[in-house]
Amino acid sequence: MRRVALLAGLVAVSAVVGCAPAAKKPVFNAAKTIDALRADEVDWNADWKSGDPGKVVAHFAPDAVAMLPGEPPAAGLEAIRSQTQRAMDDPGFSLTFNSEKVIVATSGDLAAARGVFTLKATDPATKAVTTSSGAFVTVYKPQPDGAWRAIWDIATLGPTPAAPK
């Protein structure tokens, strides 16, 4: 009899525990993430103007890859820092960029920005500062600390493309 009572008690506890509502996952807010990425873009532009490669590199995830015109792909923070330092060593260098479109996966695990950039750099052959423009795509991923960092930064030179309607 004692076993039956114990078994009945376990069944009752299991039923109550089994019926308890599961902890709800927080609702992902894509608009808030887009706003945060756009605000970060303003900071990132300022960081390029600062002349401090560490500030620029802070926008990348540890395993990021930057694929920029005329440069081999830079994989990892040290390679990106080196590439950034070489650019900043050019007294004629400047870079500005602006996203035209930012999208965030409904899962909240990836985001991407597409936009245009303007680059000024000294031409090694003529020693004149030249201006180039083009398009970019940057893919972001949230990091363990909650910050969104670039994992892939891809740019191509050419006429600034018209935004699709």
Protein backbone atom coordinates (compact mmCIF):
# COMPACT_ATOMS: atom_id res chain seq x y z
CA MET A 1 0.00 0.00 0.00
CA ARG A 2 2.85 2.27 0.86
CA ARG A 3 4.32 1.79 -2.63
CA VAL A 4 1.01 2.64 -4.24
CA ALA A 5 0.78 5.85 -2.21
CA LEU A 6 4.38 6.74 -3.10
CA LEU A 7 3.79 5.98 -6.77
CA ALA A 8 0.60 8.04 -6.77
CA GLY A 9 2.50 10.92 -5.15
CA LEU A 10 5.23 10.77 -7.78
CA VAL A 11 2.66 10.73 -10.57
CA ALA A 12 0.92 13.75 -9.03
CA VAL A 13 4.22 15.67 -8.72
CA SER A 14 5.16 14.73 -12.28
CA ALA A 15 1.81 15.92 -13.54
CA VAL A 16 2.17 19.27 -11.79
CA VAL A 17 5.75 19.76 -12.96
CA GLY A 18 4.86 18.65 -16.47
CA CYS A 19 2.05 21.19 -16.61
CA ALA A 20 4.16 24.08 -15.40
CA PRO A 21 4.60 26.65 -18.15
CA ALA A 22 8.02 26.63 -19.78
CA ALA A 23 10.17 29.70 -19.32
CA LYS A 24 9.43 32.08 -22.16
CA LYS A 25 12.24 33.11 -24.45
CA PRO A 26 12.51 36.90 -24.68
CA VAL A 27 10.91 38.33 -27.79
CA PHE A 28 13.55 39.43 -30.28
CA ASN A 29 13.21 43.06 -31.37
CA ALA A 30 14.57 43.46 -34.91
CA ALA A 31 13.86 47.21 -35.03
CA LYS A 32 15.93 47.75 -31.88
CA THR A 33 18.81 45.76 -33.40
CA ILE A 34 18.64 47.77 -36.65
CA ASP A 35 18.75 51.01 -34.64
CA ALA A 36 21.76 49.72 -32.68
CA LEU A 37 23.61 48.72 -35.86
CA ARG A 38 22.93 52.13 -37.44
CA ALA A 39 24.21 53.88 -34.29
CA ASP A 40 27.29 51.65 -34.34
CA GLU A 41 27.88 52.62 -37.97
CA VAL A 42 28.08 56.29 -36.94
CA ASP A 43 30.67 55.35 -34.31
CA TRP A 44 32.55 53.15 -36.79
CA ASN A 45 32.84 56.04 -39.26
CA ALA A 46 34.21 58.24 -36.45
CA ASP A 47 36.65 55.48 -35.50
CA TRP A 48 38.04 55.41 -39.04
CA LYS A 49 38.65 59.17 -38.75
CA SER A 50 40.36 58.75 -35.36
CA GLY A 51 43.50 57.17 -36.82
CA ASP A 52 43.35 54.45 -34.15
CA PRO A 53 43.20 50.98 -35.73
CA GLY A 54 42.20 49.46 -32.38
CA LYS A 55 38.95 51.44 -32.44
CA VAL A 56 38.16 50.19 -35.94
CA VAL A 57 39.02 46.58 -35.10
CA ALA A 58 36.71 46.69 -32.06
CA HIS A 59 33.76 46.53 -34.48
CA PHE A 60 34.79 43.05 -35.63
CA ALA A 61 34.20 39.63 -34.06
CA PRO A 62 37.34 37.61 -33.24
CA ASP A 63 36.82 35.30 -36.24
CA ALA A 64 35.89 38.07 -38.70
CA VAL A 65 37.09 38.27 -42.29
CA ALA A 66 37.50 41.57 -44.16
CA MET A 67 37.52 41.35 -47.95
CA LEU A 68 38.49 44.76 -49.31
CA PRO A 69 39.42 45.95 -52.80
CA GLY A 70 43.07 45.46 -53.70
CA GLU A 71 43.83 43.56 -50.49
CA PRO A 72 44.02 39.86 -49.72
CA PRO A 73 41.27 38.71 -47.35
CA ALA A 74 42.18 39.56 -43.75
CA ALA A 75 41.06 36.77 -41.41
CA GLY A 76 41.06 37.46 -37.69
CA LEU A 77 41.57 40.58 -35.63
CA GLU A 78 45.36 40.81 -36.01
CA ALA A 79 45.17 40.61 -39.82
CA ILE A 80 42.38 43.20 -39.87
CA ARG A 81 44.37 45.44 -37.50
CA SER A 82 47.44 45.21 -39.75
CA GLN A 83 45.40 46.03 -42.86
CA THR A 84 43.74 48.94 -41.05
CA GLN A 85 47.08 50.29 -39.83
CA ARG A 86 48.52 50.24 -43.37
CA ALA A 87 45.54 52.24 -44.62
CA MET A 88 45.78 54.74 -41.76
CA ASP A 89 49.52 55.21 -42.36
CA ASP A 90 48.59 56.93 -45.64
CA PRO A 91 48.22 60.67 -44.88
CA GLY A 92 45.69 60.98 -47.72
CA PHE A 93 43.50 58.16 -46.43
CA SER A 94 39.88 58.58 -45.42
CA LEU A 95 36.88 56.28 -45.48
CA THR A 96 33.20 56.99 -45.04
CA PHE A 97 30.33 54.59 -45.50
CA ASN A 98 26.58 54.53 -45.14
CA SER A 99 24.14 51.64 -45.05
CA GLU A 100 21.17 51.89 -47.35
CA LYS A 101 19.53 48.72 -46.04
CA VAL A 102 19.89 46.74 -42.82
CA ILE A 103 18.11 43.43 -42.30
CA VAL A 104 17.99 41.15 -39.29
CA ALA A 105 17.11 37.46 -39.28
CA THR A 106 13.90 36.76 -37.36
CA SER A 107 15.91 34.31 -35.26
CA GLY A 108 18.06 37.20 -34.06
CA ASP A 109 21.30 35.39 -34.83
CA LEU A 110 22.49 37.34 -37.92
CA ALA A 111 22.11 40.77 -39.47
CA ALA A 112 23.40 42.29 -42.69
CA ALA A 113 23.94 45.84 -43.91
CA ARG A 114 24.29 46.88 -47.55
CA GLY A 115 25.48 50.31 -48.56
CA VAL A 116 27.98 52.57 -50.25
CA PHE A 117 31.39 53.93 -49.34
CA THR A 118 33.85 56.61 -50.42
CA LEU A 119 37.56 55.97 -50.05
CA LYS A 120 40.41 58.44 -50.44
CA ALA A 121 43.96 57.13 -50.69
CA THR A 122 47.33 58.15 -52.07
CA ASP A 123 48.15 56.52 -55.40
CA PRO A 124 51.66 55.07 -54.98
CA ALA A 125 52.54 55.75 -58.62
CA THR A 126 51.45 59.39 -58.87
CA LYS A 127 51.52 60.35 -55.16
CA ALA A 128 48.16 62.04 -55.77
CA VAL A 129 45.19 61.45 -53.50
CA THR A 130 42.49 59.64 -55.44
CA THR A 131 38.83 59.14 -54.58
CA SER A 132 37.06 55.85 -55.18
CA SER A 133 33.60 54.66 -54.33
CA GLY A 134 31.77 51.40 -54.28
CA ALA A 135 29.39 49.12 -52.45
CA PHE A 136 29.70 46.92 -49.38
CA VAL A 137 27.95 44.19 -47.46
CA THR A 138 28.68 43.64 -43.78
CA VAL A 139 27.31 40.61 -41.95
CA TYR A 140 26.93 40.88 -38.17
CA LYS A 141 26.52 38.32 -35.43
CA PRO A 142 25.72 38.91 -31.76
CA GLN A 143 28.62 38.10 -29.46
CA PRO A 144 28.47 36.47 -26.00
CA ASP A 145 28.46 39.94 -24.41
CA GLY A 146 25.36 40.86 -26.46
CA ALA A 147 27.18 43.30 -28.76
CA TRP A 148 26.76 42.91 -32.51
CA ARG A 149 30.11 42.60 -34.32
CA ALA A 150 31.00 42.27 -37.99
CA ILE A 151 31.90 38.74 -39.04
CA TRP A 152 32.24 39.42 -42.78
CA ASP A 153 32.98 42.82 -44.31
CA ILE A 154 33.00 42.74 -48.10
CA ALA A 155 33.53 45.72 -50.38
CA THR A 156 33.82 46.23 -54.12
CA LEU A 157 34.95 49.27 -56.09
CA GLY A 158 32.84 50.70 -58.86
CA PRO A 159 30.12 53.19 -59.51
CA THR A 160 27.81 53.61 -56.57
CA PRO A 161 24.87 51.38 -57.38
CA ALA A 162 21.35 52.76 -57.35
CA ALA A 163 19.28 51.43 -54.48
CA PRO A 164 16.62 48.96 -55.66
CA LYS A 165 13.06 50.13 -55.38
